Amino acid sequence: MANRNITLSLPEELVRKAKIIAAERDTSVSALVAELVEHLAGGDEDYEHAWDREVARMASSGMSVGDITWSRDELHER
């Protein structure tokens, strides 16, 4: 799919925060906006693809997803 340029008008503080988030994720503000709009529009990703992408991101940061060994009730015991 071809890309098109659009112009957005955002508060300066929001743009600053978006640039920080983009840098932390090693991406661009344009890619962040595209991801958000795609998510809001329903996107073409299914849950499994999104999960695999997040697991890969965590792995590249030295994190991992382990087995769930607890139940919801155990987490909320008082």
N, C-alpha and C. Protein backbone atom coordinates (compact mmCIF):
# COMPACT_ATOMS: atom_id res chain seq x y z
N MET A 1 0.84 -1.18 0.00
CA MET A 1 0.00 0.00 0.00
C MET A 1 0.89 1.24 0.00
N ALA A 2 0.57 2.20 -0.84
CA ALA A 2 1.36 3.43 -0.93
C ALA A 2 1.07 4.34 0.26
N ASN A 3 2.08 5.08 0.66
CA ASN A 3 1.91 6.04 1.77
C ASN A 3 1.55 7.41 1.23
N ARG A 4 0.82 8.15 2.03
CA ARG A 4 0.49 9.54 1.71
C ARG A 4 0.87 10.41 2.88
N ASN A 5 1.34 11.60 2.60
CA ASN A 5 1.67 12.54 3.64
C ASN A 5 0.43 13.29 4.07
N ILE A 6 0.32 13.55 5.39
CA ILE A 6 -0.74 14.39 5.92
C ILE A 6 -0.11 15.37 6.89
N THR A 7 -0.80 16.44 7.18
CA THR A 7 -0.32 17.42 8.14
C THR A 7 -1.18 17.35 9.38
N LEU A 8 -0.53 17.26 10.54
CA LEU A 8 -1.22 17.23 11.81
C LEU A 8 -0.84 18.46 12.61
N SER A 9 -1.76 18.93 13.40
CA SER A 9 -1.49 20.03 14.31
C SER A 9 -1.69 19.50 15.72
N LEU A 10 -0.61 19.42 16.47
CA LEU A 10 -0.63 18.87 17.83
C LEU A 10 0.04 19.84 18.78
N PRO A 11 -0.36 19.81 20.05
CA PRO A 11 0.32 20.65 21.04
C PRO A 11 1.80 20.28 21.14
N GLU A 12 2.65 21.28 21.37
CA GLU A 12 4.10 21.05 21.42
C GLU A 12 4.48 19.98 22.43
N GLU A 13 3.86 19.99 23.60
CA GLU A 13 4.20 19.02 24.63
C GLU A 13 3.87 17.60 24.18
N LEU A 14 2.77 17.43 23.47
CA LEU A 14 2.39 16.12 22.96
C LEU A 14 3.39 15.63 21.91
N VAL A 15 3.83 16.54 21.06
CA VAL A 15 4.83 16.19 20.04
C VAL A 15 6.13 15.77 20.72
N ARG A 16 6.54 16.49 21.77
CA ARG A 16 7.75 16.16 22.51
C ARG A 16 7.64 14.75 23.10
N LYS A 17 6.49 14.46 23.72
CA LYS A 17 6.28 13.13 24.30
C LYS A 17 6.27 12.04 23.23
N ALA A 18 5.66 12.34 22.09
CA ALA A 18 5.61 11.36 21.00
C ALA A 18 7.01 11.06 20.48
N LYS A 19 7.86 12.08 20.39
CA LYS A 19 9.24 11.86 19.94
C LYS A 19 10.01 11.00 20.93
N ILE A 20 9.78 11.21 22.21
CA ILE A 20 10.45 10.40 23.23
C ILE A 20 10.02 8.94 23.13
N ILE A 21 8.70 8.73 23.01
CA ILE A 21 8.18 7.36 22.89
C ILE A 21 8.74 6.70 21.64
N ALA A 22 8.75 7.43 20.53
CA ALA A 22 9.27 6.87 19.28
C ALA A 22 10.74 6.49 19.43
N ALA A 23 11.52 7.34 20.07
CA ALA A 23 12.94 7.04 20.27
C ALA A 23 13.12 5.80 21.15
N GLU A 24 12.32 5.70 22.20
CA GLU A 24 12.40 4.54 23.09
C GLU A 24 12.06 3.25 22.36
N ARG A 25 11.17 3.34 21.38
CA ARG A 25 10.76 2.16 20.62
C ARG A 25 11.55 1.98 19.33
N ASP A 26 12.55 2.85 19.13
CA ASP A 26 13.38 2.80 17.94
C ASP A 26 12.53 2.84 16.67
N THR A 27 11.63 3.82 16.62
CA THR A 27 10.75 3.99 15.47
C THR A 27 10.55 5.49 15.25
N SER A 28 9.65 5.84 14.38
CA SER A 28 9.37 7.25 14.10
C SER A 28 8.01 7.65 14.64
N VAL A 29 7.79 8.95 14.75
CA VAL A 29 6.47 9.44 15.17
C VAL A 29 5.44 9.03 14.13
N SER A 30 5.80 9.09 12.86
CA SER A 30 4.87 8.66 11.80
C SER A 30 4.45 7.21 11.98
N ALA A 31 5.41 6.36 12.32
CA ALA A 31 5.09 4.94 12.53
C ALA A 31 4.18 4.77 13.75
N LEU A 32 4.42 5.56 14.82
CA LEU A 32 3.55 5.50 16.00
C LEU A 32 2.12 5.88 15.64
N VAL A 33 1.98 6.97 14.90
CA VAL A 33 0.64 7.44 14.51
C VAL A 33 -0.03 6.40 13.62
N ALA A 34 0.72 5.84 12.68
CA ALA A 34 0.15 4.82 11.79
C ALA A 34 -0.32 3.61 12.59
N GLU A 35 0.49 3.19 13.57
CA GLU A 35 0.12 2.04 14.41
C GLU A 35 -1.15 2.33 15.21
N LEU A 36 -1.24 3.53 15.75
CA LEU A 36 -2.42 3.90 16.53
C LEU A 36 -3.66 3.93 15.65
N VAL A 37 -3.57 4.55 14.49
CA VAL A 37 -4.74 4.65 13.60
C VAL A 37 -5.14 3.26 13.12
N GLU A 38 -4.15 2.43 12.80
CA GLU A 38 -4.46 1.07 12.37
C GLU A 38 -5.17 0.30 13.48
N HIS A 39 -4.69 0.48 14.71
CA HIS A 39 -5.32 -0.18 15.85
C HIS A 39 -6.77 0.31 16.02
N LEU A 40 -6.97 1.61 15.94
CA LEU A 40 -8.32 2.17 16.09
C LEU A 40 -9.25 1.75 14.97
N ALA A 41 -8.69 1.54 13.79
CA ALA A 41 -9.49 1.16 12.63
C ALA A 41 -9.72 -0.34 12.55
N GLY A 42 -9.22 -1.07 13.53
CA GLY A 42 -9.42 -2.51 13.53
C GLY A 42 -8.22 -3.26 13.01
N GLY A 43 -7.36 -2.60 12.26
CA GLY A 43 -6.13 -3.20 11.79
C GLY A 43 -6.33 -4.50 11.04
N ASP A 44 -5.25 -5.00 10.50
CA ASP A 44 -5.32 -6.28 9.81
C ASP A 44 -4.52 -7.34 10.56
N GLU A 45 -4.07 -7.00 11.79
CA GLU A 45 -3.35 -7.97 12.61
C GLU A 45 -4.34 -8.75 13.47
N ASP A 46 -4.06 -10.00 13.62
CA ASP A 46 -4.86 -10.75 14.57
C ASP A 46 -4.10 -10.80 15.89
N TYR A 47 -4.73 -11.29 16.92
CA TYR A 47 -4.15 -11.31 18.25
C TYR A 47 -2.82 -12.06 18.28
N GLU A 48 -2.75 -13.22 17.65
CA GLU A 48 -1.54 -14.03 17.68
C GLU A 48 -0.35 -13.30 17.06
N HIS A 49 -0.58 -12.61 15.97
CA HIS A 49 0.50 -11.85 15.32
C HIS A 49 0.98 -10.73 16.25
N ALA A 50 0.05 -10.03 16.87
CA ALA A 50 0.42 -8.96 17.80
C ALA A 50 1.18 -9.53 19.00
N TRP A 51 0.74 -10.66 19.51
CA TRP A 51 1.43 -11.30 20.65
C TRP A 51 2.85 -11.68 20.26
N ASP A 52 3.01 -12.30 19.09
CA ASP A 52 4.34 -12.69 18.63
C ASP A 52 5.26 -11.48 18.49
N ARG A 53 4.72 -10.38 18.00
CA ARG A 53 5.52 -9.16 17.85
C ARG A 53 5.97 -8.63 19.21
N GLU A 54 5.08 -8.65 20.19
CA GLU A 54 5.43 -8.17 21.53
C GLU A 54 6.46 -9.08 22.20
N VAL A 55 6.31 -10.38 22.03
CA VAL A 55 7.29 -11.33 22.58
C VAL A 55 8.66 -11.06 21.95
N ALA A 56 8.70 -10.80 20.66
CA ALA A 56 9.97 -10.51 19.98
C ALA A 56 10.58 -9.22 20.52
N ARG A 57 9.75 -8.21 20.75
CA ARG A 57 10.25 -6.94 21.31
C ARG A 57 10.85 -7.17 22.69
N MET A 58 10.16 -7.94 23.51
CA MET A 58 10.68 -8.22 24.85
C MET A 58 11.98 -9.00 24.77
N ALA A 59 12.04 -9.98 23.88
CA ALA A 59 13.25 -10.79 23.75
C ALA A 59 14.44 -9.92 23.34
N SER A 60 14.20 -8.94 22.46
CA SER A 60 15.29 -8.07 22.03
C SER A 60 15.75 -7.15 23.16
N SER A 61 14.94 -7.02 24.20
CA SER A 61 15.30 -6.21 25.37
C SER A 61 15.79 -7.08 26.52
N GLY A 62 15.96 -8.38 26.28
CA GLY A 62 16.43 -9.28 27.32
C GLY A 62 15.34 -9.76 28.26
N MET A 63 14.09 -9.54 27.90
CA MET A 63 12.96 -9.97 28.72
C MET A 63 12.33 -11.21 28.08
N SER A 64 11.52 -11.92 28.84
CA SER A 64 10.83 -13.07 28.28
C SER A 64 9.47 -13.25 28.95
N VAL A 65 8.65 -14.03 28.31
CA VAL A 65 7.34 -14.36 28.84
C VAL A 65 7.39 -15.79 29.32
N GLY A 66 7.10 -15.99 30.59
CA GLY A 66 7.12 -17.33 31.15
C GLY A 66 5.72 -17.91 31.23
N ASP A 67 5.66 -19.13 31.71
CA ASP A 67 4.37 -19.77 31.90
C ASP A 67 3.60 -19.08 33.01
N ILE A 68 2.31 -19.01 32.86
CA ILE A 68 1.45 -18.45 33.91
C ILE A 68 1.23 -19.56 34.94
N THR A 69 1.72 -19.33 36.14
CA THR A 69 1.65 -20.36 37.18
C THR A 69 0.71 -19.94 38.31
N TRP A 70 -0.07 -18.89 38.09
CA TRP A 70 -0.96 -18.39 39.12
C TRP A 70 -2.34 -18.20 38.52
N SER A 71 -3.32 -18.09 39.38
CA SER A 71 -4.68 -17.84 38.91
C SER A 71 -5.06 -16.40 39.26
N ARG A 72 -6.09 -15.92 38.66
CA ARG A 72 -6.58 -14.58 38.94
C ARG A 72 -6.95 -14.46 40.43
N ASP A 73 -7.61 -15.48 40.96
CA ASP A 73 -8.01 -15.46 42.37
C ASP A 73 -6.80 -15.36 43.30
N GLU A 74 -5.73 -16.08 42.95
CA GLU A 74 -4.52 -16.03 43.78
C GLU A 74 -3.93 -14.62 43.78
N LEU A 75 -3.98 -13.98 42.65
CA LEU A 75 -3.44 -12.62 42.57
C LEU A 75 -4.24 -11.62 43.40
N HIS A 76 -5.51 -11.89 43.56
CA HIS A 76 -6.39 -10.94 44.24
C HIS A 76 -6.78 -11.39 45.64
N GLU A 77 -6.07 -12.37 46.20
CA GLU A 77 -6.34 -12.80 47.56
C GLU A 77 -6.08 -11.66 48.52
N ARG A 78 -6.90 -11.58 49.54
CA ARG A 78 -6.71 -10.52 50.55
C ARG A 78 -6.61 -11.12 51.92
